[in-house]
Protein backbone atom coordinates (compact mmCIF):
# COMPACT_ATOMS: atom_id res chain seq x y z
CA MET A 1 -0.19 0.15 0.02
CA LYS A 2 1.93 4.16 -0.94
CA VAL A 3 0.70 6.43 1.38
CA ALA A 4 0.34 10.13 0.75
CA LEU A 5 0.26 12.75 3.10
CA ASP A 6 -0.77 16.11 1.95
CA ASN A 7 -0.45 19.63 3.53
CA LEU A 8 -1.57 17.17 6.87
CA THR A 9 -2.61 19.25 9.95
CA LYS A 10 -3.92 18.68 13.85
CA LYS A 11 -4.57 21.65 16.11
CA TRP A 12 -6.69 22.05 18.95
CA GLY A 13 -7.85 25.72 19.25
CA THR A 14 -4.54 27.23 18.64
CA VAL A 15 -2.52 24.19 20.37
CA VAL A 16 -0.78 22.63 17.12
CA GLY A 17 -0.13 18.88 16.99
CA ALA A 18 1.05 18.78 13.44
CA ASP A 19 1.56 21.37 10.31
CA SER A 20 1.22 20.65 7.20
CA ILE A 21 3.18 18.21 6.65
CA THR A 22 3.45 16.52 3.30
CA LEU A 23 5.72 12.86 2.26
CA ASN A 24 4.84 9.60 0.05
CA ILE A 25 5.56 6.41 1.21
CA ASN A 26 6.20 3.34 -0.90
CA ASP A 27 4.84 0.50 -1.21
CA GLY A 28 6.59 -2.16 1.25
CA GLU A 29 8.49 0.30 2.40
CA PHE A 30 9.61 0.69 6.61
CA ILE A 31 9.01 4.86 7.68
CA ALA A 32 9.82 5.66 10.69
CA PHE A 33 8.79 9.14 12.16
CA LEU A 34 11.49 10.59 14.63
CA GLY A 35 11.26 12.77 16.89
CA PRO A 36 11.08 14.26 20.94
CA SER A 37 8.09 13.66 23.10
CA GLY A 38 5.79 16.63 22.47
CA CYS A 39 6.46 16.81 18.73
CA GLY A 40 3.52 15.05 16.51
CA LYS A 41 5.06 11.89 15.58
CA THR A 42 2.12 9.99 17.38
CA THR A 43 -0.41 12.45 16.63
CA THR A 44 0.60 11.77 12.63
CA LEU A 45 0.23 8.26 13.27
CA LEU A 46 -3.09 8.77 15.02
CA MET A 47 -4.72 10.24 12.07
CA VAL A 48 -2.98 7.59 9.73
CA ALA A 49 -5.09 5.16 11.58
CA GLY A 50 -8.69 7.14 11.84
CA ILE A 51 -8.52 8.00 15.51
CA TYR A 52 -7.90 11.40 15.08
CA LYS A 53 -9.62 13.43 12.15
CA PRO A 54 -7.59 16.33 10.64
CA THR A 55 -7.92 20.01 10.60
CA ALA A 56 -6.74 19.60 7.21
CA GLY A 57 -4.95 18.58 4.60
CA TYR A 58 -5.54 15.28 2.91
CA ILE A 59 -4.81 11.46 3.94
CA ARG A 60 -4.36 8.77 0.58
CA PHE A 61 -3.73 4.81 0.67
CA ASP A 62 -3.25 4.13 -2.89
CA ASP A 63 -4.31 7.55 -4.09
CA TYR A 64 -7.79 7.14 -2.80
CA MET A 65 -8.55 9.64 -0.15
CA VAL A 66 -9.13 7.76 3.31
CA ASN A 67 -9.60 11.39 5.41
CA HIS A 68 -13.50 10.37 5.84
CA MET A 69 -12.71 6.54 6.53
CA ALA A 70 -13.59 5.09 9.81
CA PRO A 71 -10.58 3.26 11.05
CA LYS A 72 -11.87 -0.67 10.90
CA ASP A 73 -11.91 0.33 7.38
CA ARG A 74 -8.42 1.46 6.47
CA ASN A 75 -6.83 -2.36 6.09
CA ILE A 76 -4.15 -1.22 8.44
CA GLY A 77 -2.84 -2.91 11.99
CA MET A 78 -1.79 -1.19 15.06
CA VAL A 79 0.15 -1.59 17.40
CA PHE A 80 0.84 -0.03 20.78
CA GLN A 81 2.99 1.40 23.51
CA SER A 82 1.03 -0.38 26.20
CA TYR A 83 0.43 -3.44 23.95
CA ALA A 84 -3.24 -3.18 24.72
CA LEU A 85 -3.64 -6.95 25.35
CA TYR A 86 -7.03 -8.64 26.64
CA PRO A 87 -6.36 -9.38 30.33
CA HIS A 88 -9.55 -11.86 30.25
CA MET A 89 -8.15 -13.61 26.82
CA ASP A 90 -5.49 -16.47 26.08
CA VAL A 91 -2.84 -15.96 23.55
CA PHE A 92 -5.15 -17.56 21.01
CA LYS A 93 -8.08 -15.11 21.52
CA ASN A 94 -6.44 -12.19 21.64
CA ILE A 95 -4.30 -13.29 18.47
CA SER A 96 -7.47 -14.30 16.65
CA TYR A 97 -10.40 -11.26 17.73
CA PRO A 98 -9.30 -9.38 14.45
CA LEU A 99 -10.66 -13.03 12.78
CA LYS A 100 -13.52 -13.02 14.46
CA LEU A 101 -14.58 -9.21 14.48
CA LYS A 102 -14.30 -10.10 10.26
CA LYS A 103 -16.29 -12.94 11.09
CA ILE A 104 -13.58 -15.53 9.85
CA PRO A 105 -14.82 -19.21 9.34
CA ALA A 106 -13.85 -21.07 12.42
CA LYS A 107 -11.19 -23.25 10.20
CA GLU A 108 -9.17 -20.42 8.45
CA LEU A 109 -9.34 -18.46 11.61
CA LYS A 110 -7.19 -21.06 13.79
CA GLU A 111 -5.18 -21.93 10.62
CA ARG A 112 -4.59 -18.11 10.11
CA THR A 113 -3.83 -17.63 14.28
CA ARG A 114 -1.61 -20.65 14.35
CA LYS A 115 0.38 -19.89 11.65
CA ILE A 116 1.54 -16.41 12.94
CA ALA A 117 1.76 -17.52 16.42
CA ASP A 118 4.43 -19.98 15.59
CA MET A 119 5.64 -17.03 12.82
CA MET A 120 5.74 -15.25 16.29
CA GLY A 121 7.53 -18.03 18.27
CA ILE A 122 4.90 -17.50 20.30
CA GLY A 123 3.20 -20.74 19.32
CA HIS A 124 3.13 -23.00 22.65
CA LEU A 125 1.88 -19.88 24.07
CA LEU A 126 -1.92 -19.74 23.00
CA ASP A 127 -3.64 -20.85 26.21
CA ARG A 128 -2.18 -19.01 28.47
CA LYS A 129 -3.53 -15.38 29.61
CA PRO A 130 -1.29 -11.93 28.69
CA ALA A 131 -0.36 -11.58 33.23
CA GLN A 132 0.95 -15.74 32.06
CA LEU A 133 4.05 -13.73 29.47
CA SER A 134 6.81 -11.36 29.76
CA GLY A 135 6.97 -8.07 28.10
CA GLY A 136 8.73 -9.49 25.04
CA GLN A 137 6.11 -12.39 24.74
CA GLN A 138 3.23 -10.19 25.44
CA GLN A 139 4.67 -7.21 22.45
CA ARG A 140 5.12 -10.75 20.39
CA VAL A 141 1.11 -11.23 21.44
CA ALA A 142 -0.16 -7.44 20.11
CA LEU A 143 2.28 -7.90 16.51
CA GLY A 144 1.17 -11.29 15.72
CA ARG A 145 -2.80 -9.86 16.54
CA ALA A 146 -2.00 -6.69 14.46
CA LEU A 147 -1.03 -9.04 11.20
CA VAL A 148 -3.32 -11.73 11.69
CA LYS A 149 -5.45 -9.79 9.15
CA GLU A 150 -2.89 -9.72 6.85
CA PRO A 151 -3.40 -5.60 6.32
CA GLY A 152 -2.12 -3.31 4.03
CA LEU A 153 -0.23 -0.83 6.34
CA LEU A 154 1.16 -1.43 10.08
CA LEU A 155 1.66 1.11 12.73
CA PHE A 156 3.88 1.33 15.48
CA ASP A 157 3.43 3.55 18.24
CA GLU A 158 6.73 2.93 20.03
CA PRO A 159 6.27 -0.63 20.90
CA LEU A 160 9.48 -0.81 21.98
CA SER A 161 9.78 1.82 24.54
CA ASN A 162 8.67 -0.43 27.51
CA LEU A 163 11.18 -3.18 27.25
CA ASP A 164 15.09 -3.75 28.40
CA ALA A 165 17.91 -2.90 26.26
CA ARG A 166 18.58 -6.33 25.20
CA LEU A 167 14.75 -7.42 24.66
CA ARG A 168 14.68 -4.11 22.11
CA LEU A 169 18.12 -4.91 19.89
CA SER A 170 16.05 -8.61 19.64
CA MET A 171 12.47 -7.50 18.84
CA ARG A 172 14.11 -4.67 16.57
CA SER A 173 15.62 -7.42 14.49
CA GLU A 174 12.27 -9.42 14.60
CA ILE A 175 10.13 -6.79 13.18
CA LYS A 176 12.24 -5.79 10.63
CA ARG A 177 12.38 -9.38 9.53
CA LEU A 178 8.97 -9.81 9.58
CA GLN A 179 8.24 -6.92 7.76
CA LEU A 180 10.51 -7.87 4.90
CA GLU A 181 9.39 -11.19 4.31
CA LEU A 182 5.88 -9.81 4.41
CA GLY A 183 6.70 -6.81 2.71
CA ILE A 184 3.55 -4.66 4.12
CA THR A 185 4.14 -0.58 4.67
CA SER A 186 5.04 0.24 7.69
CA ILE A 187 5.12 3.60 9.75
CA TYR A 188 6.97 3.33 13.13
CA VAL A 189 6.84 6.05 15.91
CA THR A 190 10.03 6.97 18.21
CA HIS A 191 12.27 8.83 20.00
CA ASP A 192 15.13 6.71 20.10
CA GLN A 193 17.24 7.53 16.87
CA VAL A 194 18.93 4.39 17.47
CA GLU A 195 15.56 2.10 16.61
CA ALA A 196 14.77 4.73 13.78
CA MET A 197 18.28 4.32 12.08
CA THR A 198 18.43 0.81 12.39
CA MET A 199 15.09 0.13 11.18
CA ALA A 200 13.66 2.19 8.98
CA ASP A 201 14.02 2.65 4.67
CA ARG A 202 13.71 6.42 5.26
CA VAL A 203 12.94 8.26 8.59
CA ALA A 204 10.88 11.05 9.02
CA VAL A 205 12.52 13.73 11.10
CA ILE A 206 9.89 16.25 13.56
CA GLN A 207 9.91 19.12 15.68
CA SER A 208 7.22 20.88 17.01
CA GLY A 209 4.90 19.45 14.78
CA ARG A 210 6.66 20.14 11.74
CA LEU A 211 8.39 17.95 9.23
CA GLN A 212 12.20 19.01 9.52
CA ALA A 213 13.68 16.16 6.91
CA PHE A 214 12.52 12.80 5.45
CA ALA A 215 15.45 11.08 4.06
CA PRO A 216 17.10 7.83 4.31
CA PRO A 217 19.64 7.01 7.74
CA ASP A 218 22.69 7.81 6.32
CA GLU A 219 21.57 11.03 4.85
CA LEU A 220 20.54 12.29 7.80
CA TYR A 221 23.58 11.65 9.70
CA ASP A 222 26.35 13.25 7.22
CA ARG A 223 24.51 15.57 5.75
CA PRO A 224 21.58 17.01 7.96
CA GLN A 225 19.69 19.65 7.11
CA THR A 226 19.48 22.09 9.99
CA LEU A 227 21.14 22.17 13.44
CA PHE A 228 18.47 20.12 14.53
CA ILE A 229 18.73 16.84 12.80
CA ALA A 230 22.65 17.22 13.22
CA GLY A 231 21.90 17.27 17.09
CA PHE A 232 19.42 14.77 17.83
CA VAL A 233 20.73 11.80 15.33
CA GLY A 234 24.03 10.34 15.92
CA ASN A 235 24.89 9.13 19.30
CA PRO A 236 26.98 10.50 21.15
CA PRO A 237 25.66 13.45 19.94
CA MET A 238 27.72 16.48 17.62
CA ASN A 239 29.54 18.57 19.13
CA PHE A 240 28.90 22.73 18.06
CA ILE A 241 30.85 25.48 18.42
CA THR A 242 30.55 29.06 17.62
CA VAL A 243 33.18 30.27 15.35
CA ASP A 244 34.18 32.81 13.38
CA ILE A 245 35.08 33.23 9.96
CA LEU A 246 39.03 34.50 9.03
CA HIS A 247 40.77 34.47 5.54
CA GLU A 248 44.12 35.70 6.55
CA ASN A 249 47.04 34.83 3.70
CA GLY A 250 44.73 33.38 1.23
CA LEU A 251 43.84 31.03 3.38
CA PHE A 252 40.22 30.75 5.08
CA SER A 253 39.67 28.91 8.40
CA ALA A 254 37.47 28.58 11.70
CA ARG A 255 38.75 29.93 14.67
CA ALA A 256 37.21 29.98 18.29
CA PRO A 257 39.32 30.45 21.43
CA GLY A 258 41.68 27.59 21.53
CA LEU A 259 40.84 26.68 18.45
CA THR A 260 41.88 27.14 14.63
CA MET A 261 40.80 24.97 11.81
CA PRO A 262 41.29 25.33 7.97
CA LEU A 263 38.60 24.99 6.00
CA SER A 264 38.29 22.54 3.06
CA ALA A 265 38.21 23.99 -0.48
CA GLY A 266 34.40 22.16 -0.10
CA HIS A 267 33.74 24.51 2.49
CA THR A 268 35.23 27.54 1.54
CA ASP A 269 32.75 28.94 -0.93
CA LYS A 270 29.79 28.47 1.10
CA VAL A 271 30.70 29.14 4.56
CA ALA A 272 33.21 32.42 3.68
CA GLU A 273 30.62 34.73 3.54
CA LYS A 274 29.78 35.26 6.67
CA GLY A 275 30.98 36.00 9.28
CA ARG A 276 30.02 33.90 12.54
CA VAL A 277 28.36 30.67 12.38
CA ILE A 278 28.07 27.69 14.09
CA MET A 279 30.87 24.58 13.61
CA GLY A 280 29.17 20.94 14.74
CA ILE A 281 31.29 17.86 14.15
CA ARG A 282 30.81 14.51 15.61
CA PRO A 283 32.92 12.71 18.89
CA GLU A 284 33.89 9.85 16.36
CA ASP A 285 35.56 12.53 13.93
CA ILE A 286 37.80 13.88 16.26
CA THR A 287 41.11 12.64 17.39
CA ILE A 288 43.38 12.54 19.80
CA ALA A 289 46.92 13.30 17.87
CA ASN A 290 50.82 14.72 18.62
CA GLU A 291 49.94 18.14 18.00
CA GLY A 292 46.69 20.17 17.14
CA ALA A 293 44.37 21.91 19.38
CA ALA A 294 45.55 21.59 23.49
CA GLY A 295 43.02 21.17 26.12
CA GLU A 296 42.62 19.02 29.21
CA VAL A 297 41.02 16.64 29.74
CA TYR A 298 37.27 17.02 32.15
CA ILE A 299 36.44 13.86 32.50
CA VAL A 300 36.32 10.31 31.04
CA GLU A 301 32.96 8.41 29.79
CA PRO A 302 34.22 4.60 29.45
CA LEU A 303 31.67 3.21 27.14
CA GLY A 304 33.38 -0.18 26.99
CA ARG A 305 34.31 -0.33 23.01
CA ASP A 306 35.78 3.52 23.62
CA ASP A 307 35.82 6.04 25.73
CA LEU A 308 33.62 8.78 25.55
CA ILE A 309 36.35 11.67 26.69
CA ASP A 310 35.13 15.50 27.60
CA VAL A 311 38.11 17.93 26.68
CA LYS A 312 38.35 21.41 28.24
CA ILE A 313 39.72 24.53 25.50
CA GLY A 314 39.19 27.69 27.35
CA ASP A 315 35.91 27.14 28.43
CA LEU A 316 34.62 24.85 25.28
CA HIS A 317 33.59 21.75 25.79
CA VAL A 318 34.84 19.09 23.27
CA HIS A 319 33.59 15.13 23.06
CA VAL A 320 35.95 13.01 21.84
CA LEU A 321 35.83 9.21 20.91
CA ALA A 322 39.31 7.96 22.03
CA ASP A 323 40.57 4.41 22.35
CA PRO A 324 40.60 2.76 26.17
CA GLU A 325 43.63 1.82 25.51
CA MET A 326 44.67 5.36 26.07
CA SER A 327 44.37 5.01 29.87
CA LEU A 328 43.19 8.95 29.95
CA LYS A 329 42.29 10.45 33.46
CA MET A 330 41.29 13.93 34.95
CA GLY A 331 43.74 16.19 34.37
CA ASP A 332 45.75 15.13 31.26
CA THR A 333 46.85 16.92 28.74
CA VAL A 334 45.48 16.47 25.28
CA ASN A 335 45.76 17.73 21.85
CA LEU A 336 42.69 17.37 19.33
CA GLN A 337 43.09 17.43 15.14
CA PHE A 338 39.90 17.93 13.47
CA ASN A 339 38.68 16.17 10.41
CA ALA A 340 37.59 18.74 8.76
CA ASN A 341 35.95 16.58 5.06
CA LYS A 342 33.50 15.96 8.24
CA VAL A 343 32.90 18.96 9.98
CA GLN A 344 29.88 21.47 9.31
CA PHE A 345 28.42 24.38 9.11
CA PHE A 346 24.86 26.00 10.40
CA ASP A 347 23.24 29.66 9.98
CA PRO A 348 23.08 31.05 14.19
CA GLU A 349 19.86 32.73 12.89
CA THR A 350 18.56 30.68 10.25
CA GLU A 351 19.98 26.86 11.59
CA ARG A 352 19.96 26.08 8.28
CA SER A 353 22.66 23.81 6.72
CA LEU A 354 25.56 26.36 4.69
CA LEU A 355 26.32 23.28 2.74
CA TRP A 356 23.94 20.67 1.46
């Protein structure tokens, strides 16, 4: 199923939940709505589901407008954050309930329910009640219930938020594998950028009800179009430093107290006209070397494979990823080298990228 949102807007009086969101989702594509709490991603999802009625704009499924179509007629499956299982029903009845509502013959209902349960790895739990299941098993039941009706569109509203970190990792893989195998168009709402980046074909970044970008994960990471996207996508977050662009002896450089970085040829034309800009660089694009900007190790945060080092350069704090074998400690003096090819520049007034 193809899905198109055209200037989709939702307001409650003066409160804006979603503001003129326009995007097109291809058949079989896995899309993530990503943003902080309260940004409008769930509001947009609920309009697609038919639970909220749009204030303005249109929703189309395969070129057919569905604004006034009831949720039960939209051929969608939905998985909620709270699982929303019926506590008095066993697993079999929970999964098969959508088929019962459609008055599917008993034999077909049983076959389809068992098939989905086996696919979800819970075929041996069909006689248990939700209270007898773990969080991961309950989530599989909720997913099975959404899949058993063979929907054209799957909607996920932060379905892994209540699971522990290890279980979230395995369920991410399971959901993506199932989506690829079944080829069902899917929209996945999350505030976790790791979930969005690892699962989605394209990510819609939403802030304050407005669509900031709609692009593949690697494009959002490598070529962020706004300061918000640059800071929200990526972990550890990008460093931001206010710098002055200087032209000396025919060369351009970005300078802040205690820090001078030559600009590469690709940056010069687009950044040179600006006197002061915001420079962004990710911790993995800074290396600790024998020479470079001198600073003091302010704190060391062990992450296992890497150490996250907070280096203080004057009044600046710069985060760097370093090899734990360097055994850096608070108070050590280090030199930082910045990868000029990975640096981003943003207009401090518009917060738009000066490069893309």
